[in-house]
mmCIF file of all heavy atoms, coordinates in Angstrom:
data_MODEL
# 
_entry.id   MODEL 
# 
loop_
_atom_site.group_PDB 
_atom_site.id 
_atom_site.type_symbol 
_atom_site.label_atom_id 
_atom_site.label_alt_id 
_atom_site.label_comp_id 
_atom_site.label_asym_id 
_atom_site.label_entity_id 
_atom_site.label_seq_id 
_atom_site.pdbx_PDB_ins_code 
_atom_site.Cartn_x 
_atom_site.Cartn_y 
_atom_site.Cartn_z 
_atom_site.occupancy 
_atom_site.B_iso_or_equiv 
_atom_site.pdbx_formal_charge 
_atom_site.auth_seq_id 
_atom_site.auth_comp_id 
_atom_site.auth_asym_id 
_atom_site.auth_atom_id 
_atom_site.pdbx_PDB_model_num 
ATOM 1   N N   . TRP A 1 1  ? -4.221  3.271  -16.265 1.00 0.00 ? 1  TRP A N   1 
ATOM 2   C CA  . TRP A 1 1  ? -3.075  3.340  -15.409 1.00 0.00 ? 1  TRP A CA  1 
ATOM 3   C C   . TRP A 1 1  ? -2.027  2.344  -15.755 1.00 0.00 ? 1  TRP A C   1 
ATOM 4   O O   . TRP A 1 1  ? -0.804  2.591  -15.813 1.00 0.00 ? 1  TRP A O   1 
ATOM 5   C CB  . TRP A 1 1  ? -3.501  3.134  -13.887 1.00 0.00 ? 1  TRP A CB  1 
ATOM 6   C CG  . TRP A 1 1  ? -4.309  4.156  -13.265 1.00 0.00 ? 1  TRP A CG  1 
ATOM 7   C CD1 . TRP A 1 1  ? -5.648  4.203  -12.989 1.00 0.00 ? 1  TRP A CD1 1 
ATOM 8   C CD2 . TRP A 1 1  ? -3.766  5.391  -12.727 1.00 0.00 ? 1  TRP A CD2 1 
ATOM 9   N NE1 . TRP A 1 1  ? -5.971  5.318  -12.332 1.00 0.00 ? 1  TRP A NE1 1 
ATOM 10  C CE2 . TRP A 1 1  ? -4.904  6.089  -12.139 1.00 0.00 ? 1  TRP A CE2 1 
ATOM 11  C CE3 . TRP A 1 1  ? -2.544  6.039  -12.637 1.00 0.00 ? 1  TRP A CE3 1 
ATOM 12  C CZ2 . TRP A 1 1  ? -4.791  7.362  -11.524 1.00 0.00 ? 1  TRP A CZ2 1 
ATOM 13  C CZ3 . TRP A 1 1  ? -2.460  7.241  -11.974 1.00 0.00 ? 1  TRP A CZ3 1 
ATOM 14  C CH2 . TRP A 1 1  ? -3.539  7.899  -11.483 1.00 0.00 ? 1  TRP A CH2 1 
ATOM 15  N N   . PHE A 1 2  ? -2.506  1.093  -16.067 1.00 0.00 ? 2  PHE A N   1 
ATOM 16  C CA  . PHE A 1 2  ? -1.608  0.004  -16.343 1.00 0.00 ? 2  PHE A CA  1 
ATOM 17  C C   . PHE A 1 2  ? -0.828  0.342  -17.686 1.00 0.00 ? 2  PHE A C   1 
ATOM 18  O O   . PHE A 1 2  ? 0.391   0.090  -17.687 1.00 0.00 ? 2  PHE A O   1 
ATOM 19  C CB  . PHE A 1 2  ? -2.461  -1.258 -16.606 1.00 0.00 ? 2  PHE A CB  1 
ATOM 20  C CG  . PHE A 1 2  ? -1.693  -2.468 -16.905 1.00 0.00 ? 2  PHE A CG  1 
ATOM 21  C CD1 . PHE A 1 2  ? -1.064  -3.193 -15.864 1.00 0.00 ? 2  PHE A CD1 1 
ATOM 22  C CD2 . PHE A 1 2  ? -1.559  -2.933 -18.219 1.00 0.00 ? 2  PHE A CD2 1 
ATOM 23  C CE1 . PHE A 1 2  ? -0.343  -4.358 -16.168 1.00 0.00 ? 2  PHE A CE1 1 
ATOM 24  C CE2 . PHE A 1 2  ? -0.788  -4.067 -18.493 1.00 0.00 ? 2  PHE A CE2 1 
ATOM 25  C CZ  . PHE A 1 2  ? -0.207  -4.776 -17.499 1.00 0.00 ? 2  PHE A CZ  1 
ATOM 26  N N   . GLU A 1 3  ? -1.497  0.789  -18.664 1.00 0.00 ? 3  GLU A N   1 
ATOM 27  C CA  . GLU A 1 3  ? -0.875  1.107  -19.927 1.00 0.00 ? 3  GLU A CA  1 
ATOM 28  C C   . GLU A 1 3  ? 0.102   2.283  -19.752 1.00 0.00 ? 3  GLU A C   1 
ATOM 29  O O   . GLU A 1 3  ? 1.192   2.258  -20.336 1.00 0.00 ? 3  GLU A O   1 
ATOM 30  C CB  . GLU A 1 3  ? -1.888  1.425  -21.045 1.00 0.00 ? 3  GLU A CB  1 
ATOM 31  C CG  . GLU A 1 3  ? -2.676  0.250  -21.453 1.00 0.00 ? 3  GLU A CG  1 
ATOM 32  C CD  . GLU A 1 3  ? -1.925  -0.825 -22.196 1.00 0.00 ? 3  GLU A CD  1 
ATOM 33  O OE1 . GLU A 1 3  ? -0.786  -0.524 -22.669 1.00 0.00 ? 3  GLU A OE1 1 
ATOM 34  O OE2 . GLU A 1 3  ? -2.440  -1.933 -22.287 1.00 0.00 ? 3  GLU A OE2 1 
ATOM 35  N N   . LEU A 1 4  ? -0.193  3.252  -19.015 1.00 0.00 ? 4  LEU A N   1 
ATOM 36  C CA  . LEU A 1 4  ? 0.641   4.397  -18.690 1.00 0.00 ? 4  LEU A CA  1 
ATOM 37  C C   . LEU A 1 4  ? 1.943   3.887  -18.024 1.00 0.00 ? 4  LEU A C   1 
ATOM 38  O O   . LEU A 1 4  ? 3.053   4.325  -18.359 1.00 0.00 ? 4  LEU A O   1 
ATOM 39  C CB  . LEU A 1 4  ? -0.079  5.407  -17.846 1.00 0.00 ? 4  LEU A CB  1 
ATOM 40  C CG  . LEU A 1 4  ? 0.700   6.672  -17.399 1.00 0.00 ? 4  LEU A CG  1 
ATOM 41  C CD1 . LEU A 1 4  ? 1.099   7.461  -18.636 1.00 0.00 ? 4  LEU A CD1 1 
ATOM 42  C CD2 . LEU A 1 4  ? -0.153  7.507  -16.462 1.00 0.00 ? 4  LEU A CD2 1 
ATOM 43  N N   . GLY A 1 5  ? 1.782   3.013  -17.048 1.00 0.00 ? 5  GLY A N   1 
ATOM 44  C CA  . GLY A 1 5  ? 2.913   2.448  -16.341 1.00 0.00 ? 5  GLY A CA  1 
ATOM 45  C C   . GLY A 1 5  ? 3.912   1.735  -17.240 1.00 0.00 ? 5  GLY A C   1 
ATOM 46  O O   . GLY A 1 5  ? 5.162   1.710  -16.979 1.00 0.00 ? 5  GLY A O   1 
ATOM 47  N N   . LYS A 1 6  ? 3.408   1.193  -18.337 1.00 0.00 ? 6  LYS A N   1 
ATOM 48  C CA  . LYS A 1 6  ? 4.297   0.358  -19.248 1.00 0.00 ? 6  LYS A CA  1 
ATOM 49  C C   . LYS A 1 6  ? 5.128   1.276  -20.182 1.00 0.00 ? 6  LYS A C   1 
ATOM 50  O O   . LYS A 1 6  ? 6.196   0.906  -20.658 1.00 0.00 ? 6  LYS A O   1 
ATOM 51  C CB  . LYS A 1 6  ? 3.472   -0.547 -20.084 1.00 0.00 ? 6  LYS A CB  1 
ATOM 52  C CG  . LYS A 1 6  ? 2.928   -1.750 -19.388 1.00 0.00 ? 6  LYS A CG  1 
ATOM 53  C CD  . LYS A 1 6  ? 2.647   -2.927 -20.247 1.00 0.00 ? 6  LYS A CD  1 
ATOM 54  C CE  . LYS A 1 6  ? 1.396   -2.716 -21.095 1.00 0.00 ? 6  LYS A CE  1 
ATOM 55  N NZ  . LYS A 1 6  ? 0.939   -3.888 -21.810 1.00 0.00 ? 6  LYS A NZ  1 
ATOM 56  N N   . ILE A 1 7  ? 4.651   2.544  -20.392 1.00 0.00 ? 7  ILE A N   1 
ATOM 57  C CA  . ILE A 1 7  ? 5.365   3.403  -21.352 1.00 0.00 ? 7  ILE A CA  1 
ATOM 58  C C   . ILE A 1 7  ? 5.996   4.661  -20.760 1.00 0.00 ? 7  ILE A C   1 
ATOM 59  O O   . ILE A 1 7  ? 6.783   5.341  -21.394 1.00 0.00 ? 7  ILE A O   1 
ATOM 60  C CB  . ILE A 1 7  ? 4.435   3.802  -22.538 1.00 0.00 ? 7  ILE A CB  1 
ATOM 61  C CG1 . ILE A 1 7  ? 3.256   4.598  -22.087 1.00 0.00 ? 7  ILE A CG1 1 
ATOM 62  C CG2 . ILE A 1 7  ? 4.027   2.590  -23.364 1.00 0.00 ? 7  ILE A CG2 1 
ATOM 63  C CD1 . ILE A 1 7  ? 2.382   5.202  -23.142 1.00 0.00 ? 7  ILE A CD1 1 
ATOM 64  N N   . ILE A 1 8  ? 5.705   4.881  -19.473 1.00 0.00 ? 8  ILE A N   1 
ATOM 65  C CA  . ILE A 1 8  ? 6.272   6.110  -18.860 1.00 0.00 ? 8  ILE A CA  1 
ATOM 66  C C   . ILE A 1 8  ? 7.771   5.849  -18.714 1.00 0.00 ? 8  ILE A C   1 
ATOM 67  O O   . ILE A 1 8  ? 8.179   4.792  -18.263 1.00 0.00 ? 8  ILE A O   1 
ATOM 68  C CB  . ILE A 1 8  ? 5.560   6.432  -17.498 1.00 0.00 ? 8  ILE A CB  1 
ATOM 69  C CG1 . ILE A 1 8  ? 5.601   7.897  -17.210 1.00 0.00 ? 8  ILE A CG1 1 
ATOM 70  C CG2 . ILE A 1 8  ? 6.111   5.554  -16.407 1.00 0.00 ? 8  ILE A CG2 1 
ATOM 71  C CD1 . ILE A 1 8  ? 4.562   8.382  -16.243 1.00 0.00 ? 8  ILE A CD1 1 
ATOM 72  N N   . PRO A 1 9  ? 8.655   6.830  -19.035 1.00 0.00 ? 9  PRO A N   1 
ATOM 73  C CA  . PRO A 1 9  ? 10.081  6.534  -19.175 1.00 0.00 ? 9  PRO A CA  1 
ATOM 74  C C   . PRO A 1 9  ? 10.721  6.152  -17.901 1.00 0.00 ? 9  PRO A C   1 
ATOM 75  O O   . PRO A 1 9  ? 11.418  5.076  -17.841 1.00 0.00 ? 9  PRO A O   1 
ATOM 76  C CB  . PRO A 1 9  ? 10.653  7.955  -19.676 1.00 0.00 ? 9  PRO A CB  1 
ATOM 77  C CG  . PRO A 1 9  ? 9.527   8.590  -20.221 1.00 0.00 ? 9  PRO A CG  1 
ATOM 78  C CD  . PRO A 1 9  ? 8.292   8.154  -19.457 1.00 0.00 ? 9  PRO A CD  1 
ATOM 79  N N   . ASP A 1 10 ? 10.602  6.880  -16.838 1.00 0.00 ? 10 ASP A N   1 
ATOM 80  C CA  . ASP A 1 10 ? 11.280  6.545  -15.563 1.00 0.00 ? 10 ASP A CA  1 
ATOM 81  C C   . ASP A 1 10 ? 10.545  7.192  -14.405 1.00 0.00 ? 10 ASP A C   1 
ATOM 82  O O   . ASP A 1 10 ? 9.661   7.927  -14.627 1.00 0.00 ? 10 ASP A O   1 
ATOM 83  C CB  . ASP A 1 10 ? 12.779  7.031  -15.639 1.00 0.00 ? 10 ASP A CB  1 
ATOM 84  C CG  . ASP A 1 10 ? 12.921  8.515  -16.037 1.00 0.00 ? 10 ASP A CG  1 
ATOM 85  O OD1 . ASP A 1 10 ? 12.173  9.349  -15.443 1.00 0.00 ? 10 ASP A OD1 1 
ATOM 86  O OD2 . ASP A 1 10 ? 13.656  8.815  -16.920 1.00 0.00 ? 10 ASP A OD2 1 
ATOM 87  N N   . LYS A 1 11 ? 11.060  6.928  -13.179 1.00 0.00 ? 11 LYS A N   1 
ATOM 88  C CA  . LYS A 1 11 ? 10.385  7.434  -11.987 1.00 0.00 ? 11 LYS A CA  1 
ATOM 89  C C   . LYS A 1 11 ? 10.567  8.975  -11.865 1.00 0.00 ? 11 LYS A C   1 
ATOM 90  O O   . LYS A 1 11 ? 9.568   9.591  -11.264 1.00 0.00 ? 11 LYS A O   1 
ATOM 91  C CB  . LYS A 1 11 ? 10.853  6.736  -10.682 1.00 0.00 ? 11 LYS A CB  1 
ATOM 92  C CG  . LYS A 1 11 ? 12.314  6.958  -10.337 1.00 0.00 ? 11 LYS A CG  1 
ATOM 93  C CD  . LYS A 1 11 ? 12.607  6.151  -9.120  1.00 0.00 ? 11 LYS A CD  1 
ATOM 94  C CE  . LYS A 1 11 ? 14.132  6.326  -8.721  1.00 0.00 ? 11 LYS A CE  1 
ATOM 95  N NZ  . LYS A 1 11 ? 14.399  5.419  -7.566  1.00 0.00 ? 11 LYS A NZ  1 
ATOM 96  N N   . ASN A 1 12 ? 11.558  9.530  -12.389 1.00 0.00 ? 12 ASN A N   1 
ATOM 97  C CA  . ASN A 1 12 ? 11.610  11.048 -12.430 1.00 0.00 ? 12 ASN A CA  1 
ATOM 98  C C   . ASN A 1 12 ? 10.489  11.687 -13.202 1.00 0.00 ? 12 ASN A C   1 
ATOM 99  O O   . ASN A 1 12 ? 9.855   12.618 -12.751 1.00 0.00 ? 12 ASN A O   1 
ATOM 100 C CB  . ASN A 1 12 ? 12.983  11.485 -13.014 1.00 0.00 ? 12 ASN A CB  1 
ATOM 101 C CG  . ASN A 1 12 ? 14.182  11.189 -12.151 1.00 0.00 ? 12 ASN A CG  1 
ATOM 102 O OD1 . ASN A 1 12 ? 13.944  10.612 -11.039 1.00 0.00 ? 12 ASN A OD1 1 
ATOM 103 N ND2 . ASN A 1 12 ? 15.344  11.398 -12.630 1.00 0.00 ? 12 ASN A ND2 1 
ATOM 104 N N   . PHE A 1 13 ? 10.127  11.004 -14.319 1.00 0.00 ? 13 PHE A N   1 
ATOM 105 C CA  . PHE A 1 13 ? 9.120   11.484 -15.228 1.00 0.00 ? 13 PHE A CA  1 
ATOM 106 C C   . PHE A 1 13 ? 7.742   11.338 -14.552 1.00 0.00 ? 13 PHE A C   1 
ATOM 107 O O   . PHE A 1 13 ? 6.855   12.220 -14.688 1.00 0.00 ? 13 PHE A O   1 
ATOM 108 C CB  . PHE A 1 13 ? 9.093   10.725 -16.509 1.00 0.00 ? 13 PHE A CB  1 
ATOM 109 C CG  . PHE A 1 13 ? 8.250   11.321 -17.622 1.00 0.00 ? 13 PHE A CG  1 
ATOM 110 C CD1 . PHE A 1 13 ? 8.723   12.181 -18.502 1.00 0.00 ? 13 PHE A CD1 1 
ATOM 111 C CD2 . PHE A 1 13 ? 6.935   10.937 -17.721 1.00 0.00 ? 13 PHE A CD2 1 
ATOM 112 C CE1 . PHE A 1 13 ? 7.917   12.793 -19.483 1.00 0.00 ? 13 PHE A CE1 1 
ATOM 113 C CE2 . PHE A 1 13 ? 6.068   11.465 -18.690 1.00 0.00 ? 13 PHE A CE2 1 
ATOM 114 C CZ  . PHE A 1 13 ? 6.639   12.386 -19.563 1.00 0.00 ? 13 PHE A CZ  1 
ATOM 115 N N   . ILE A 1 14 ? 7.638   10.271 -13.741 1.00 0.00 ? 14 ILE A N   1 
ATOM 116 C CA  . ILE A 1 14 ? 6.283   10.000 -13.099 1.00 0.00 ? 14 ILE A CA  1 
ATOM 117 C C   . ILE A 1 14 ? 5.875   11.248 -12.270 1.00 0.00 ? 14 ILE A C   1 
ATOM 118 O O   . ILE A 1 14 ? 4.687   11.684 -12.295 1.00 0.00 ? 14 ILE A O   1 
ATOM 119 C CB  . ILE A 1 14 ? 6.340   8.762  -12.158 1.00 0.00 ? 14 ILE A CB  1 
ATOM 120 C CG1 . ILE A 1 14 ? 6.601   7.487  -13.012 1.00 0.00 ? 14 ILE A CG1 1 
ATOM 121 C CG2 . ILE A 1 14 ? 5.116   8.655  -11.370 1.00 0.00 ? 14 ILE A CG2 1 
ATOM 122 C CD1 . ILE A 1 14 ? 6.881   6.279  -12.226 1.00 0.00 ? 14 ILE A CD1 1 
ATOM 123 N N   . PHE A 1 15 ? 6.856   11.733 -11.495 1.00 0.00 ? 15 PHE A N   1 
ATOM 124 C CA  . PHE A 1 15 ? 6.464   12.828 -10.585 1.00 0.00 ? 15 PHE A CA  1 
ATOM 125 C C   . PHE A 1 15 ? 6.422   14.207 -11.234 1.00 0.00 ? 15 PHE A C   1 
ATOM 126 O O   . PHE A 1 15 ? 6.112   15.206 -10.575 1.00 0.00 ? 15 PHE A O   1 
ATOM 127 C CB  . PHE A 1 15 ? 7.520   12.882 -9.397  1.00 0.00 ? 15 PHE A CB  1 
ATOM 128 C CG  . PHE A 1 15 ? 7.370   11.621 -8.578  1.00 0.00 ? 15 PHE A CG  1 
ATOM 129 C CD1 . PHE A 1 15 ? 8.360   10.672 -8.554  1.00 0.00 ? 15 PHE A CD1 1 
ATOM 130 C CD2 . PHE A 1 15 ? 6.234   11.414 -7.699  1.00 0.00 ? 15 PHE A CD2 1 
ATOM 131 C CE1 . PHE A 1 15 ? 8.252   9.528  -7.765  1.00 0.00 ? 15 PHE A CE1 1 
ATOM 132 C CE2 . PHE A 1 15 ? 6.134   10.265 -6.950  1.00 0.00 ? 15 PHE A CE2 1 
ATOM 133 C CZ  . PHE A 1 15 ? 7.111   9.353  -7.015  1.00 0.00 ? 15 PHE A CZ  1 
ATOM 134 N N   . SER A 1 16 ? 6.723   14.227 -12.532 1.00 0.00 ? 16 SER A N   1 
ATOM 135 C CA  . SER A 1 16 ? 6.546   15.519 -13.297 1.00 0.00 ? 16 SER A CA  1 
ATOM 136 C C   . SER A 1 16 ? 5.246   15.580 -13.977 1.00 0.00 ? 16 SER A C   1 
ATOM 137 O O   . SER A 1 16 ? 4.900   16.637 -14.554 1.00 0.00 ? 16 SER A O   1 
ATOM 138 C CB  . SER A 1 16 ? 7.766   15.565 -14.344 1.00 0.00 ? 16 SER A CB  1 
ATOM 139 O OG  . SER A 1 16 ? 7.532   14.648 -15.439 1.00 0.00 ? 16 SER A OG  1 
ATOM 140 N N   . VAL A 1 17 ? 4.448   14.511 -13.928 1.00 0.00 ? 17 VAL A N   1 
ATOM 141 C CA  . VAL A 1 17 ? 3.129   14.447 -14.572 1.00 0.00 ? 17 VAL A CA  1 
ATOM 142 C C   . VAL A 1 17 ? 2.119   14.780 -13.549 1.00 0.00 ? 17 VAL A C   1 
ATOM 143 O O   . VAL A 1 17 ? 2.128   14.276 -12.378 1.00 0.00 ? 17 VAL A O   1 
ATOM 144 C CB  . VAL A 1 17 ? 2.903   13.054 -15.220 1.00 0.00 ? 17 VAL A CB  1 
ATOM 145 C CG1 . VAL A 1 17 ? 1.548   12.929 -15.848 1.00 0.00 ? 17 VAL A CG1 1 
ATOM 146 C CG2 . VAL A 1 17 ? 4.014   12.741 -16.233 1.00 0.00 ? 17 VAL A CG2 1 
ATOM 147 N N   . ALA A 1 18 ? 1.116   15.551 -13.948 1.00 0.00 ? 18 ALA A N   1 
ATOM 148 C CA  . ALA A 1 18 ? 0.026   15.956 -13.104 1.00 0.00 ? 18 ALA A CA  1 
ATOM 149 C C   . ALA A 1 18 ? -1.006  14.854 -13.051 1.00 0.00 ? 18 ALA A C   1 
ATOM 150 O O   . ALA A 1 18 ? -2.042  14.889 -13.699 1.00 0.00 ? 18 ALA A O   1 
ATOM 151 C CB  . ALA A 1 18 ? -0.642  17.242 -13.534 1.00 0.00 ? 18 ALA A CB  1 
ATOM 152 N N   . LEU A 1 19 ? -0.820  13.815 -12.137 1.00 0.00 ? 19 LEU A N   1 
ATOM 153 C CA  . LEU A 1 19 ? -1.765  12.723 -12.025 1.00 0.00 ? 19 LEU A CA  1 
ATOM 154 C C   . LEU A 1 19 ? -2.783  13.079 -10.913 1.00 0.00 ? 19 LEU A C   1 
ATOM 155 O O   . LEU A 1 19 ? -2.448  13.816 -9.985  1.00 0.00 ? 19 LEU A O   1 
ATOM 156 C CB  . LEU A 1 19 ? -0.989  11.475 -11.641 1.00 0.00 ? 19 LEU A CB  1 
ATOM 157 C CG  . LEU A 1 19 ? 0.023   10.960 -12.655 1.00 0.00 ? 19 LEU A CG  1 
ATOM 158 C CD1 . LEU A 1 19 ? 0.896   9.894  -12.048 1.00 0.00 ? 19 LEU A CD1 1 
ATOM 159 C CD2 . LEU A 1 19 ? -0.692  10.475 -13.887 1.00 0.00 ? 19 LEU A CD2 1 
ATOM 160 N N   . PRO A 1 20 ? -3.923  12.520 -11.010 1.00 0.00 ? 20 PRO A N   1 
ATOM 161 C CA  . PRO A 1 20 ? -4.993  12.827 -9.985  1.00 0.00 ? 20 PRO A CA  1 
ATOM 162 C C   . PRO A 1 20 ? -4.594  12.227 -8.623  1.00 0.00 ? 20 PRO A C   1 
ATOM 163 O O   . PRO A 1 20 ? -4.102  11.170 -8.529  1.00 0.00 ? 20 PRO A O   1 
ATOM 164 C CB  . PRO A 1 20 ? -6.222  12.117 -10.473 1.00 0.00 ? 20 PRO A CB  1 
ATOM 165 C CG  . PRO A 1 20 ? -5.698  11.000 -11.388 1.00 0.00 ? 20 PRO A CG  1 
ATOM 166 C CD  . PRO A 1 20 ? -4.433  11.533 -11.986 1.00 0.00 ? 20 PRO A CD  1 
ATOM 167 N N   . GLU A 1 21 ? -4.887  13.035 -7.586  1.00 0.00 ? 21 GLU A N   1 
ATOM 168 C CA  . GLU A 1 21 ? -4.651  12.636 -6.186  1.00 0.00 ? 21 GLU A CA  1 
ATOM 169 C C   . GLU A 1 21 ? -5.711  11.712 -5.742  1.00 0.00 ? 21 GLU A C   1 
ATOM 170 O O   . GLU A 1 21 ? -6.716  12.176 -5.127  1.00 0.00 ? 21 GLU A O   1 
ATOM 171 C CB  . GLU A 1 21 ? -4.450  13.862 -5.291  1.00 0.00 ? 21 GLU A CB  1 
ATOM 172 C CG  . GLU A 1 21 ? -3.164  14.639 -5.584  1.00 0.00 ? 21 GLU A CG  1 
ATOM 173 C CD  . GLU A 1 21 ? -1.913  13.859 -5.561  1.00 0.00 ? 21 GLU A CD  1 
ATOM 174 O OE1 . GLU A 1 21 ? -1.787  12.960 -4.695  1.00 0.00 ? 21 GLU A OE1 1 
ATOM 175 O OE2 . GLU A 1 21 ? -1.019  14.028 -6.391  1.00 0.00 ? 21 GLU A OE2 1 
ATOM 176 N N   . HIS A 1 22 ? -5.562  10.455 -6.035  1.00 0.00 ? 22 HIS A N   1 
ATOM 177 C CA  . HIS A 1 22 ? -6.674  9.473  -5.721  1.00 0.00 ? 22 HIS A CA  1 
ATOM 178 C C   . HIS A 1 22 ? -5.928  8.228  -5.127  1.00 0.00 ? 22 HIS A C   1 
ATOM 179 O O   . HIS A 1 22 ? -4.748  8.020  -5.410  1.00 0.00 ? 22 HIS A O   1 
ATOM 180 C CB  . HIS A 1 22 ? -7.320  9.131  -7.057  1.00 0.00 ? 22 HIS A CB  1 
ATOM 181 C CG  . HIS A 1 22 ? -8.518  8.257  -6.962  1.00 0.00 ? 22 HIS A CG  1 
ATOM 182 N ND1 . HIS A 1 22 ? -8.476  6.862  -6.718  1.00 0.00 ? 22 HIS A ND1 1 
ATOM 183 C CD2 . HIS A 1 22 ? -9.842  8.563  -6.978  1.00 0.00 ? 22 HIS A CD2 1 
ATOM 184 C CE1 . HIS A 1 22 ? -9.700  6.433  -6.628  1.00 0.00 ? 22 HIS A CE1 1 
ATOM 185 N NE2 . HIS A 1 22 ? -10.569 7.469  -6.786  1.00 0.00 ? 22 HIS A NE2 1 
ATOM 186 N N   . TRP A 1 23 ? -6.681  7.480  -4.294  1.00 0.00 ? 23 TRP A N   1 
ATOM 187 C CA  . TRP A 1 23 ? -5.972  6.329  -3.644  1.00 0.00 ? 23 TRP A CA  1 
ATOM 188 C C   . TRP A 1 23 ? -5.361  5.367  -4.630  1.00 0.00 ? 23 TRP A C   1 
ATOM 189 O O   . TRP A 1 23 ? -4.430  4.717  -4.342  1.00 0.00 ? 23 TRP A O   1 
ATOM 190 C CB  . TRP A 1 23 ? -6.940  5.627  -2.685  1.00 0.00 ? 23 TRP A CB  1 
ATOM 191 C CG  . TRP A 1 23 ? -8.175  4.982  -3.328  1.00 0.00 ? 23 TRP A CG  1 
ATOM 192 C CD1 . TRP A 1 23 ? -9.398  5.531  -3.398  1.00 0.00 ? 23 TRP A CD1 1 
ATOM 193 C CD2 . TRP A 1 23 ? -8.234  3.683  -4.032  1.00 0.00 ? 23 TRP A CD2 1 
ATOM 194 N NE1 . TRP A 1 23 ? -10.256 4.602  -4.098  1.00 0.00 ? 23 TRP A NE1 1 
ATOM 195 C CE2 . TRP A 1 23 ? -9.532  3.513  -4.440  1.00 0.00 ? 23 TRP A CE2 1 
ATOM 196 C CE3 . TRP A 1 23 ? -7.270  2.693  -4.301  1.00 0.00 ? 23 TRP A CE3 1 
ATOM 197 C CZ2 . TRP A 1 23 ? -9.951  2.396  -5.190  1.00 0.00 ? 23 TRP A CZ2 1 
ATOM 198 C CZ3 . TRP A 1 23 ? -7.667  1.610  -5.051  1.00 0.00 ? 23 TRP A CZ3 1 
ATOM 199 C CH2 . TRP A 1 23 ? -9.023  1.411  -5.411  1.00 0.00 ? 23 TRP A CH2 1 
ATOM 200 N N   . ILE A 1 24 ? -6.037  5.274  -5.808  1.00 0.00 ? 24 ILE A N   1 
ATOM 201 C CA  . ILE A 1 24 ? -5.477  4.314  -6.821  1.00 0.00 ? 24 ILE A CA  1 
ATOM 202 C C   . ILE A 1 24 ? -4.119  4.664  -7.333  1.00 0.00 ? 24 ILE A C   1 
ATOM 203 O O   . ILE A 1 24 ? -3.314  3.854  -7.866  1.00 0.00 ? 24 ILE A O   1 
ATOM 204 C CB  . ILE A 1 24 ? -6.458  4.197  -7.996  1.00 0.00 ? 24 ILE A CB  1 
ATOM 205 C CG1 . ILE A 1 24 ? -6.240  2.818  -8.649  1.00 0.00 ? 24 ILE A CG1 1 
ATOM 206 C CG2 . ILE A 1 24 ? -6.311  5.315  -8.989  1.00 0.00 ? 24 ILE A CG2 1 
ATOM 207 C CD1 . ILE A 1 24 ? -7.381  2.464  -9.664  1.00 0.00 ? 24 ILE A CD1 1 
ATOM 208 N N   . LYS A 1 25 ? -3.746  5.974  -7.153  1.00 0.00 ? 25 LYS A N   1 
ATOM 209 C CA  . LYS A 1 25 ? -2.358  6.425  -7.653  1.00 0.00 ? 25 LYS A CA  1 
ATOM 210 C C   . LYS A 1 25 ? -1.322  5.668  -6.888  1.00 0.00 ? 25 LYS A C   1 
ATOM 211 O O   . LYS A 1 25 ? -0.267  5.391  -7.512  1.00 0.00 ? 25 LYS A O   1 
ATOM 212 C CB  . LYS A 1 25 ? -2.271  7.905  -7.386  1.00 0.00 ? 25 LYS A CB  1 
ATOM 213 C CG  . LYS A 1 25 ? -0.907  8.506  -7.778  1.00 0.00 ? 25 LYS A CG  1 
ATOM 214 C CD  . LYS A 1 25 ? -0.838  9.982  -7.497  1.00 0.00 ? 25 LYS A CD  1 
ATOM 215 C CE  . LYS A 1 25 ? 0.581   10.493 -7.683  1.00 0.00 ? 25 LYS A CE  1 
ATOM 216 N NZ  . LYS A 1 25 ? 0.692   11.913 -7.328  1.00 0.00 ? 25 LYS A NZ  1 
ATOM 217 N N   . SER A 1 26 ? -1.481  5.381  -5.626  1.00 0.00 ? 26 SER A N   1 
ATOM 218 C CA  . SER A 1 26 ? -0.424  4.633  -4.880  1.00 0.00 ? 26 SER A CA  1 
ATOM 219 C C   . SER A 1 26 ? -0.243  3.213  -5.492  1.00 0.00 ? 26 SER A C   1 
ATOM 220 O O   . SER A 1 26 ? 0.878   2.739  -5.590  1.00 0.00 ? 26 SER A O   1 
ATOM 221 C CB  . SER A 1 26 ? -0.728  4.554  -3.429  1.00 0.00 ? 26 SER A CB  1 
ATOM 222 O OG  . SER A 1 26 ? -1.994  3.960  -3.210  1.00 0.00 ? 26 SER A OG  1 
# 
């Protein structure tokens, strides 16, 4: 998650990715 957060382009892109619905996602 940490590495993904460093390279994901912007917050628009975050919500376009199918991430698991898990408490750690928040």
